[in-house]
N, C-alpha and C. Protein backbone atom coordinates (compact mmCIF):
# COMPACT_ATOMS: atom_id res chain seq x y z
N MET A 1 90.18 80.66 121.40
CA MET A 1 89.47 81.39 120.32
C MET A 1 88.77 82.65 121.01
N VAL A 2 88.99 83.69 120.10
CA VAL A 2 88.47 84.98 120.66
C VAL A 2 87.42 85.47 119.48
N VAL A 3 86.20 85.74 119.73
CA VAL A 3 85.27 86.15 118.68
C VAL A 3 84.81 87.58 119.22
N GLU A 4 85.05 88.54 118.38
CA GLU A 4 84.54 89.82 118.63
C GLU A 4 83.62 90.31 117.52
N ALA A 5 82.42 90.99 117.86
CA ALA A 5 81.54 91.35 116.95
C ALA A 5 81.27 92.96 117.02
N VAL A 6 82.51 93.59 117.04
CA VAL A 6 82.51 95.03 117.23
C VAL A 6 83.44 95.65 116.21
N TRP A 7 83.21 97.07 116.00
CA TRP A 7 84.01 97.66 114.90
C TRP A 7 85.26 97.68 115.15
N GLN A 8 85.84 97.74 116.48
CA GLN A 8 87.26 97.80 116.78
C GLN A 8 87.47 97.05 118.04
N TYR A 9 88.48 96.27 118.15
CA TYR A 9 88.83 95.43 119.34
C TYR A 9 90.20 95.24 119.61
N THR A 10 91.12 95.77 118.80
CA THR A 10 92.52 95.50 119.02
C THR A 10 92.92 95.85 120.43
N HIS A 11 92.35 96.89 120.98
CA HIS A 11 92.85 97.32 122.50
C HIS A 11 92.41 96.31 123.52
N HIS A 12 91.53 95.38 123.17
CA HIS A 12 91.00 94.29 124.01
C HIS A 12 91.93 93.03 123.94
N ILE A 13 92.46 92.85 122.86
CA ILE A 13 93.25 91.46 122.63
C ILE A 13 94.68 91.62 122.23
N LEU A 14 95.22 92.77 121.69
CA LEU A 14 96.66 92.78 121.35
C LEU A 14 97.56 92.47 122.47
N HIS A 15 97.37 92.93 123.62
CA HIS A 15 98.22 92.60 124.66
C HIS A 15 98.38 91.02 124.97
N GLY A 16 97.35 90.32 124.79
CA GLY A 16 97.36 88.91 125.12
C GLY A 16 97.89 88.15 123.81
N LEU A 17 97.64 88.64 122.66
CA LEU A 17 98.14 87.93 121.50
C LEU A 17 99.76 88.21 121.32
N SER A 18 100.21 89.35 121.89
CA SER A 18 101.63 89.60 121.69
C SER A 18 102.56 88.59 122.39
N THR A 19 101.82 87.88 123.42
CA THR A 19 102.63 86.75 124.04
C THR A 19 102.03 85.45 123.87
N HIS A 20 101.00 85.26 123.02
CA HIS A 20 100.36 84.14 122.86
C HIS A 20 101.28 82.95 122.01
N ARG A 21 101.38 81.92 122.55
CA ARG A 21 102.33 80.85 121.92
C ARG A 21 101.82 80.12 120.76
N GLY A 22 100.46 79.92 120.77
CA GLY A 22 99.99 79.18 119.56
C GLY A 22 99.66 79.98 118.36
N PRO A 23 99.31 79.31 117.24
CA PRO A 23 99.11 79.94 115.88
C PRO A 23 97.88 81.02 116.12
N ILE A 24 97.95 82.01 115.35
CA ILE A 24 96.79 83.09 115.37
C ILE A 24 96.29 83.22 113.97
N LEU A 25 94.96 83.12 113.91
CA LEU A 25 94.32 83.30 112.69
C LEU A 25 93.24 84.51 113.04
N THR A 26 93.38 85.60 112.10
CA THR A 26 92.40 86.63 112.13
C THR A 26 91.46 86.42 111.08
N VAL A 27 90.33 86.62 111.36
CA VAL A 27 89.08 86.36 110.30
C VAL A 27 88.17 87.55 110.47
N ALA A 28 87.61 87.91 109.30
CA ALA A 28 86.55 88.97 109.22
C ALA A 28 85.68 88.90 108.03
N ASN A 29 84.56 89.36 108.27
CA ASN A 29 83.51 89.30 107.08
C ASN A 29 84.00 90.49 106.06
N TRP A 30 83.84 90.21 104.79
CA TRP A 30 84.16 91.22 103.80
C TRP A 30 83.02 91.91 103.40
N SER A 31 82.33 92.51 104.36
CA SER A 31 81.06 93.38 104.15
C SER A 31 81.08 94.68 104.84
N GLY A 32 80.73 95.55 104.27
CA GLY A 32 80.60 97.04 104.93
C GLY A 32 79.41 97.08 105.94
N GLU A 33 78.48 96.07 105.68
CA GLU A 33 77.30 96.09 106.56
C GLU A 33 77.47 95.66 108.01
N TRP A 34 78.51 94.91 108.28
CA TRP A 34 78.77 94.33 109.64
C TRP A 34 80.12 94.64 109.97
N PRO A 35 80.28 94.91 111.30
CA PRO A 35 81.54 95.17 111.94
C PRO A 35 82.41 93.95 111.74
N GLY A 36 83.72 94.31 111.67
CA GLY A 36 84.74 93.19 111.60
C GLY A 36 85.95 93.60 110.72
N LEU A 37 85.76 94.08 109.44
CA LEU A 37 86.93 94.27 108.65
C LEU A 37 87.83 95.25 109.16
N VAL A 38 87.32 96.31 109.49
CA VAL A 38 88.18 97.52 109.97
C VAL A 38 88.99 97.07 111.19
N GLY A 39 88.38 96.33 112.17
CA GLY A 39 88.98 95.94 113.31
C GLY A 39 89.90 94.92 112.95
N MET A 40 89.80 93.90 112.14
CA MET A 40 90.74 92.97 111.69
C MET A 40 91.89 93.56 111.15
N LEU A 41 91.58 94.58 110.22
CA LEU A 41 92.81 95.21 109.50
C LEU A 41 93.88 95.98 110.40
N ASN A 42 93.07 96.56 111.49
CA ASN A 42 93.83 97.27 112.61
C ASN A 42 94.66 96.27 113.49
N LEU A 43 93.95 95.17 113.69
CA LEU A 43 94.57 94.21 114.60
C LEU A 43 95.91 93.54 113.72
N ASN A 44 95.51 93.38 112.49
CA ASN A 44 96.80 92.78 111.63
C ASN A 44 97.92 93.83 111.65
N GLY A 45 97.58 95.04 111.44
CA GLY A 45 98.61 96.10 111.41
C GLY A 45 99.34 96.11 112.64
N SER A 46 98.65 95.96 113.76
CA SER A 46 99.16 96.17 115.15
C SER A 46 100.04 94.82 115.39
N LEU A 47 99.57 93.58 114.98
CA LEU A 47 100.29 92.52 115.18
C LEU A 47 101.62 92.51 114.39
N THR A 48 101.52 92.98 113.14
CA THR A 48 102.68 93.23 112.19
C THR A 48 103.80 94.07 112.87
N LYS A 49 103.32 95.14 113.28
CA LYS A 49 104.23 96.18 114.08
C LYS A 49 104.85 95.53 115.25
N ALA A 50 104.13 94.68 115.96
CA ALA A 50 104.64 94.04 117.22
C ALA A 50 105.50 92.86 116.85
N GLY A 51 105.53 92.56 115.66
CA GLY A 51 106.40 91.29 115.17
C GLY A 51 105.77 89.94 115.58
N VAL A 52 104.42 89.89 115.63
CA VAL A 52 103.70 88.65 115.89
C VAL A 52 103.14 88.00 114.66
N ALA A 53 103.54 86.67 114.46
CA ALA A 53 103.10 86.04 113.33
C ALA A 53 101.62 85.67 113.51
N TYR A 54 100.95 85.73 112.32
CA TYR A 54 99.61 85.36 112.20
C TYR A 54 99.19 85.16 110.81
N SER A 55 97.92 84.39 110.58
CA SER A 55 97.44 84.25 109.31
C SER A 55 96.14 84.90 109.32
N THR A 56 95.59 85.15 108.12
CA THR A 56 94.39 86.02 107.92
C THR A 56 93.55 85.45 106.90
N LEU A 57 92.16 85.35 107.16
CA LEU A 57 91.12 85.03 106.23
C LEU A 57 89.98 85.93 106.19
N TRP A 58 89.35 85.96 105.16
CA TRP A 58 88.09 86.85 105.11
C TRP A 58 87.09 86.18 104.06
N SER A 59 85.81 86.70 104.22
CA SER A 59 84.87 86.08 103.33
C SER A 59 83.68 86.97 103.34
N GLU A 60 82.85 86.89 102.39
CA GLU A 60 81.52 87.51 102.39
C GLU A 60 80.58 86.78 103.24
N ASP A 61 80.52 85.42 103.07
CA ASP A 61 79.59 84.64 103.81
C ASP A 61 80.27 83.38 104.37
N PHE A 62 81.48 83.21 104.28
CA PHE A 62 82.25 82.11 104.83
C PHE A 62 81.90 80.60 104.34
N THR A 63 81.30 80.73 103.12
CA THR A 63 81.10 79.35 102.30
C THR A 63 81.92 79.34 101.15
N ASP A 64 82.73 80.31 100.70
CA ASP A 64 83.35 80.24 99.39
C ASP A 64 84.66 79.42 99.56
N ASP A 65 85.18 78.95 98.53
CA ASP A 65 86.33 78.01 98.40
C ASP A 65 87.62 78.77 98.97
N PHE A 66 87.79 79.97 98.68
CA PHE A 66 88.97 80.72 99.26
C PHE A 66 88.92 80.63 100.88
N PHE A 67 87.92 81.00 101.50
CA PHE A 67 87.84 80.84 102.88
C PHE A 67 88.02 79.34 103.32
N LEU A 68 87.09 78.54 102.79
CA LEU A 68 87.11 77.11 103.24
C LEU A 68 88.51 76.34 103.14
N SER A 69 89.15 76.59 101.96
CA SER A 69 90.41 75.83 101.74
C SER A 69 91.52 76.57 102.68
N GLY A 70 91.46 77.90 102.75
CA GLY A 70 92.47 78.50 103.71
C GLY A 70 92.22 78.16 105.19
N LEU A 71 90.95 77.92 105.57
CA LEU A 71 90.62 77.42 106.89
C LEU A 71 91.29 76.02 107.05
N ARG A 72 91.00 75.22 106.17
CA ARG A 72 91.48 73.82 106.16
C ARG A 72 93.05 73.83 106.31
N GLN A 73 93.68 74.73 105.58
CA GLN A 73 95.10 74.84 105.46
C GLN A 73 95.68 75.19 106.87
N TRP A 74 94.97 76.16 107.46
CA TRP A 74 95.38 76.75 108.88
C TRP A 74 95.12 75.64 109.80
N LEU A 75 93.95 74.92 109.89
CA LEU A 75 93.72 73.96 110.71
C LEU A 75 94.79 72.76 110.75
N ALA A 76 95.27 72.50 109.53
CA ALA A 76 96.23 71.53 109.36
C ALA A 76 97.57 71.96 109.81
N GLY A 77 97.75 73.16 110.31
CA GLY A 77 99.08 73.65 110.96
C GLY A 77 99.86 74.56 109.96
N GLU A 78 99.40 74.82 108.89
CA GLU A 78 100.16 75.54 107.91
C GLU A 78 99.72 77.00 107.98
N ALA A 79 100.59 78.02 107.80
CA ALA A 79 100.16 79.47 107.67
C ALA A 79 99.50 79.70 106.48
N VAL A 80 98.52 80.57 106.44
CA VAL A 80 97.81 80.99 105.24
C VAL A 80 98.69 82.01 104.52
N ARG A 81 99.02 81.68 103.15
CA ARG A 81 99.82 82.75 102.49
C ARG A 81 98.88 83.35 101.44
N HIS A 82 99.13 84.51 101.06
CA HIS A 82 98.26 85.23 100.14
C HIS A 82 99.25 85.83 99.05
N ASP A 83 98.64 86.16 97.95
CA ASP A 83 99.23 86.80 96.75
C ASP A 83 99.91 88.12 97.25
N ARG A 84 101.22 88.21 97.14
CA ARG A 84 101.74 89.63 97.66
C ARG A 84 102.37 90.27 96.47
N SER A 85 101.83 89.97 95.15
CA SER A 85 102.42 90.66 94.07
C SER A 85 102.35 92.09 94.10
N HIS A 86 101.33 92.62 94.82
CA HIS A 86 101.22 94.05 94.91
C HIS A 86 102.07 94.78 95.96
N VAL A 87 102.80 94.13 96.79
CA VAL A 87 103.58 94.47 97.80
C VAL A 87 105.18 94.65 97.28
N HIS A 88 105.62 95.79 97.59
CA HIS A 88 106.98 95.97 96.98
C HIS A 88 107.95 96.59 98.15
N ALA A 89 109.01 96.19 98.32
CA ALA A 89 109.87 96.63 99.33
C ALA A 89 110.09 98.01 99.03
N LEU A 90 110.22 98.90 100.26
CA LEU A 90 110.37 100.26 100.06
C LEU A 90 111.73 100.74 99.33
N LYS A 91 112.69 99.87 99.51
CA LYS A 91 113.90 100.22 98.75
C LYS A 91 113.77 100.13 97.21
N GLU A 92 112.85 99.47 96.74
CA GLU A 92 112.58 99.39 95.40
C GLU A 92 111.75 100.52 94.92
N PHE A 93 111.20 101.37 95.78
CA PHE A 93 110.45 102.62 95.34
C PHE A 93 111.26 103.76 95.19
N ARG A 94 110.84 104.50 94.06
CA ARG A 94 111.69 105.79 93.77
C ARG A 94 110.75 106.82 93.49
N LEU A 95 110.83 107.94 94.29
CA LEU A 95 110.09 109.14 94.04
C LEU A 95 110.41 109.80 92.68
N PRO A 96 109.44 110.60 92.15
CA PRO A 96 109.90 111.38 91.02
C PRO A 96 110.83 112.45 91.58
N ALA A 97 111.70 112.85 90.70
CA ALA A 97 112.79 113.82 91.11
C ALA A 97 112.38 114.91 91.71
N GLN A 98 111.16 115.55 91.39
CA GLN A 98 110.68 116.76 91.96
C GLN A 98 110.16 116.56 93.35
N ALA A 99 109.59 115.44 93.52
CA ALA A 99 109.14 115.14 94.92
C ALA A 99 110.26 114.75 95.71
N GLU A 100 111.32 114.13 95.28
CA GLU A 100 112.44 113.70 96.25
C GLU A 100 113.07 114.97 96.55
N GLU A 101 113.32 115.89 95.68
CA GLU A 101 113.91 117.22 96.00
C GLU A 101 113.18 117.99 97.04
N MET A 102 111.87 118.07 96.87
CA MET A 102 111.11 118.64 97.89
C MET A 102 111.22 118.02 99.24
N GLY A 103 111.17 116.64 99.22
CA GLY A 103 111.18 116.01 100.50
C GLY A 103 112.67 116.19 101.17
N THR A 104 113.67 116.32 100.33
CA THR A 104 115.04 116.66 100.82
C THR A 104 115.08 117.97 101.58
N ARG A 105 114.40 119.02 100.75
CA ARG A 105 114.42 120.35 101.29
C ARG A 105 113.62 120.46 102.67
N LEU A 106 112.49 119.69 102.76
CA LEU A 106 111.85 119.67 103.87
C LEU A 106 112.48 118.98 105.02
N ALA A 107 113.13 117.91 104.76
CA ALA A 107 113.91 117.22 105.75
C ALA A 107 115.13 118.33 106.31
N ARG A 108 115.69 118.99 105.50
CA ARG A 108 116.75 120.05 105.98
C ARG A 108 116.05 121.05 106.93
N VAL A 109 114.86 121.59 106.50
CA VAL A 109 114.24 122.47 107.25
C VAL A 109 113.76 121.93 108.67
N LEU A 110 113.25 120.76 108.63
CA LEU A 110 112.75 120.21 109.95
C LEU A 110 114.12 119.85 110.84
N GLY A 111 115.03 119.39 110.28
CA GLY A 111 116.26 119.15 110.97
C GLY A 111 116.86 120.29 111.63
N ARG A 112 116.77 121.43 110.97
CA ARG A 112 117.21 122.76 111.47
C ARG A 112 116.30 123.32 112.47
N ASP A 113 115.04 123.47 112.09
CA ASP A 113 114.03 124.21 112.83
C ASP A 113 113.19 123.58 113.68
N LYS A 114 112.99 122.32 113.52
CA LYS A 114 112.19 121.38 114.28
C LYS A 114 110.57 121.85 114.13
N ALA A 115 109.89 120.92 114.44
CA ALA A 115 108.37 121.12 114.32
C ALA A 115 107.69 120.37 115.47
N ILE A 116 106.55 120.84 115.99
CA ILE A 116 105.67 120.00 116.94
C ILE A 116 104.43 119.75 116.22
N MET A 117 104.12 118.48 116.37
CA MET A 117 103.00 117.85 115.62
C MET A 117 101.86 117.64 116.70
N GLY A 118 100.67 118.00 116.58
CA GLY A 118 99.64 117.82 117.64
C GLY A 118 99.18 116.37 117.40
N ILE A 119 99.02 115.53 118.27
CA ILE A 119 98.47 114.11 118.27
C ILE A 119 97.37 114.01 119.12
N PHE A 120 96.20 113.83 118.58
CA PHE A 120 95.01 113.57 119.36
C PHE A 120 94.84 112.08 119.76
N ASP A 121 94.86 111.85 121.03
CA ASP A 121 94.58 110.51 121.57
C ASP A 121 95.30 109.37 120.78
N GLU A 122 96.53 109.57 120.94
CA GLU A 122 97.52 108.63 120.09
C GLU A 122 97.21 107.19 120.64
N GLY A 123 97.02 106.33 119.81
CA GLY A 123 96.75 104.89 119.94
C GLY A 123 95.29 104.61 120.49
N CYS A 124 94.38 105.53 120.25
CA CYS A 124 93.00 105.24 120.78
C CYS A 124 92.51 103.98 120.02
N MET A 125 91.62 103.33 120.75
CA MET A 125 91.08 102.08 120.19
C MET A 125 92.00 100.99 119.86
N GLY A 126 93.14 101.14 120.43
CA GLY A 126 94.18 100.03 120.33
C GLY A 126 94.95 100.11 119.03
N MET A 127 95.00 101.36 118.37
CA MET A 127 95.73 101.49 117.24
C MET A 127 97.23 101.71 117.42
N TYR A 128 97.74 100.61 117.86
CA TYR A 128 99.19 100.50 118.13
C TYR A 128 99.94 100.67 116.78
N ASN A 129 99.37 100.19 115.73
CA ASN A 129 100.04 100.27 114.40
C ASN A 129 100.25 101.75 113.93
N ALA A 130 99.45 102.62 114.52
CA ALA A 130 99.39 104.04 114.02
C ALA A 130 100.33 104.89 114.96
N ILE A 131 100.95 104.34 115.90
CA ILE A 131 101.93 105.11 116.72
C ILE A 131 103.28 105.11 116.14
N ILE A 132 103.75 106.33 116.00
CA ILE A 132 105.17 106.44 115.49
C ILE A 132 105.93 106.62 116.73
N PRO A 133 107.11 105.69 117.05
CA PRO A 133 107.75 105.87 118.22
C PRO A 133 108.56 107.25 118.27
N ASP A 134 108.47 107.76 119.28
CA ASP A 134 109.18 109.11 119.54
C ASP A 134 110.58 109.14 119.12
N GLU A 135 111.29 108.08 119.48
CA GLU A 135 112.82 108.07 119.13
C GLU A 135 113.03 107.97 117.72
N LEU A 136 112.16 107.47 116.90
CA LEU A 136 112.23 107.55 115.42
C LEU A 136 111.83 108.89 114.84
N LEU A 137 110.68 109.29 115.32
CA LEU A 137 110.11 110.62 114.90
C LEU A 137 111.13 111.79 115.19
N HIS A 138 111.75 111.77 116.40
CA HIS A 138 112.66 112.94 116.77
C HIS A 138 113.83 113.13 115.82
N ARG A 139 114.31 111.98 115.20
CA ARG A 139 115.41 112.05 114.29
C ARG A 139 114.98 112.86 113.06
N THR A 140 113.61 112.93 112.82
CA THR A 140 113.21 113.65 111.66
C THR A 140 113.12 115.27 111.87
N GLY A 141 113.32 115.61 113.26
CA GLY A 141 113.10 116.92 113.57
C GLY A 141 111.68 117.21 113.99
N VAL A 142 110.84 116.18 114.05
CA VAL A 142 109.40 116.35 114.44
C VAL A 142 109.13 115.76 115.87
N PHE A 143 108.43 116.64 116.76
CA PHE A 143 108.13 116.17 118.07
C PHE A 143 106.70 116.24 118.44
N LYS A 144 106.27 115.43 119.31
CA LYS A 144 104.85 115.36 119.47
C LYS A 144 104.35 116.04 120.72
N GLU A 145 103.27 116.72 120.51
CA GLU A 145 102.46 117.37 121.59
C GLU A 145 101.22 116.51 121.74
N ARG A 146 101.08 115.73 122.76
CA ARG A 146 99.90 114.75 122.90
C ARG A 146 98.65 115.56 123.35
N LEU A 147 97.65 115.46 122.60
CA LEU A 147 96.47 116.13 123.00
C LEU A 147 95.34 115.18 123.43
N SER A 148 94.36 115.56 124.18
CA SER A 148 93.13 114.80 124.42
C SER A 148 91.88 115.36 123.78
N GLN A 149 91.21 114.59 123.12
CA GLN A 149 89.91 115.04 122.38
C GLN A 149 88.93 115.34 123.47
N SER A 150 88.98 114.52 124.63
CA SER A 150 88.00 114.67 125.62
C SER A 150 88.29 116.00 126.45
N ALA A 151 89.59 116.16 126.68
CA ALA A 151 89.99 117.46 127.36
C ALA A 151 89.78 118.73 126.54
N LEU A 152 89.93 118.66 125.20
CA LEU A 152 89.60 119.71 124.26
C LEU A 152 88.08 120.00 124.35
N PHE A 153 87.26 118.91 124.36
CA PHE A 153 85.90 119.12 124.41
C PHE A 153 85.40 119.81 125.70
N ALA A 154 85.95 119.28 126.68
CA ALA A 154 85.60 119.97 128.07
C ALA A 154 86.09 121.40 128.11
N GLU A 155 87.25 121.70 127.50
CA GLU A 155 87.71 123.27 127.42
C GLU A 155 86.71 123.89 126.57
N MET A 156 86.30 123.40 125.62
CA MET A 156 85.43 124.08 124.58
C MET A 156 84.01 124.56 125.26
N GLN A 157 83.65 123.63 126.19
CA GLN A 157 82.35 123.95 127.02
C GLN A 157 82.55 125.24 127.79
N GLN A 158 83.79 125.73 128.13
CA GLN A 158 84.01 126.82 129.01
C GLN A 158 84.07 128.16 128.21
N VAL A 159 83.94 128.10 126.86
CA VAL A 159 84.14 129.21 126.04
C VAL A 159 82.69 129.48 125.38
N SER A 160 82.22 130.86 125.34
CA SER A 160 80.90 131.05 124.90
C SER A 160 81.08 131.17 123.38
N ASP A 161 79.96 131.00 122.74
CA ASP A 161 79.77 131.11 121.12
C ASP A 161 80.40 132.43 120.70
N GLU A 162 80.13 133.58 121.37
CA GLU A 162 80.55 134.94 121.09
C GLU A 162 82.17 134.86 121.14
N GLU A 163 82.80 134.32 122.18
CA GLU A 163 83.96 134.43 122.34
C GLU A 163 84.79 133.58 121.19
N ALA A 164 84.22 132.48 120.98
CA ALA A 164 84.79 131.50 119.86
C ALA A 164 84.57 132.37 118.50
N LEU A 165 83.41 132.95 118.22
CA LEU A 165 83.37 133.59 116.91
C LEU A 165 84.18 134.83 116.84
N ALA A 166 84.36 135.41 117.96
CA ALA A 166 85.47 136.71 117.89
C ALA A 166 86.82 136.23 117.58
N VAL A 167 87.22 134.98 118.21
CA VAL A 167 88.57 134.60 117.95
C VAL A 167 88.70 134.19 116.44
N ARG A 168 87.68 133.39 116.04
CA ARG A 168 87.73 132.95 114.68
C ARG A 168 87.59 134.13 113.67
N SER A 169 86.93 135.28 113.90
CA SER A 169 86.98 136.50 113.14
C SER A 169 88.27 137.00 113.07
N GLY A 170 88.97 137.03 114.23
CA GLY A 170 90.22 137.76 114.21
C GLY A 170 91.35 136.93 113.35
N TRP A 171 91.14 135.67 113.38
CA TRP A 171 92.17 134.68 112.67
C TRP A 171 91.77 134.92 111.09
N THR A 172 90.44 135.01 110.81
CA THR A 172 90.12 135.10 109.25
C THR A 172 90.61 136.44 108.91
N ALA A 173 90.38 137.51 109.73
CA ALA A 173 90.70 138.86 109.18
C ALA A 173 92.14 138.99 108.84
N ARG A 174 93.03 138.10 109.49
CA ARG A 174 94.53 138.13 109.31
C ARG A 174 94.79 137.22 107.97
N GLY A 175 93.80 136.75 107.40
CA GLY A 175 94.06 135.85 106.27
C GLY A 175 94.57 134.53 106.54
N CYS A 176 94.29 134.01 107.86
CA CYS A 176 94.96 132.73 108.17
C CYS A 176 94.10 131.57 108.02
N ALA A 177 93.02 131.70 107.48
CA ALA A 177 92.05 130.51 107.20
C ALA A 177 92.09 129.65 108.45
N LEU A 178 91.64 130.33 109.54
CA LEU A 178 91.35 129.72 110.82
C LEU A 178 92.54 129.13 111.57
N ARG A 179 93.74 129.67 111.17
CA ARG A 179 94.99 129.39 111.90
C ARG A 179 95.60 130.59 112.58
N PRO A 180 96.18 130.57 113.70
CA PRO A 180 96.60 131.78 114.20
C PRO A 180 97.82 132.22 113.49
N ALA A 181 98.16 133.62 113.69
CA ALA A 181 99.39 134.03 113.01
C ALA A 181 100.57 133.27 113.35
N PRO A 182 101.52 133.13 112.45
CA PRO A 182 102.77 132.27 112.89
C PRO A 182 103.56 133.00 113.84
N ILE A 183 104.30 132.24 114.73
CA ILE A 183 105.18 132.79 115.64
C ILE A 183 106.37 133.17 114.92
N ARG A 184 106.92 134.38 115.16
CA ARG A 184 108.07 134.97 114.68
C ARG A 184 109.29 134.66 115.58
N LYS A 185 110.42 134.30 115.04
CA LYS A 185 111.54 134.26 115.89
C LYS A 185 112.12 135.56 116.15
N PRO A 186 112.75 135.81 117.29
CA PRO A 186 113.32 137.17 117.47
C PRO A 186 114.54 137.15 116.62
N THR A 187 114.72 138.37 116.11
CA THR A 187 115.98 138.65 115.16
C THR A 187 117.20 139.26 115.99
């Protein structure tokens, strides 16, 4: 049994749970006042991505019938099942024609021109579920540039406010809404 009373804990226990041989039950309070729910949902997403079976229960105060009957079920060796009527297979989903056409056009552009996406601290706090594997992303024409929030902060400390404002003014003057001018390909 592992009990965590923190906002996020996946990075502390996912590696052990990924090879754990016994049943796994994740439990969290259903209250925004106390830590637990966000951490449990991230852990569940990470376990799902890792292909690890688990059951889940939640409660406001752990005295309700839903929680207690689910706990009895799990302690009896049964997996806890939930209503999944809101879950639909992706193959059943259909985009509106206009959105599908826009997505197809974007896919062609990315396949031809490629793009680099900046990623800050990928997988921080154990968010394994939020990491898109490079080999899958590359097929879409998108590549990652891994960035560090702490390195960015450290570099920002080396720039004076005057220099930062001058750069910002130059970008704004070009109508770029705080983005540098686009890089032009040679003709």
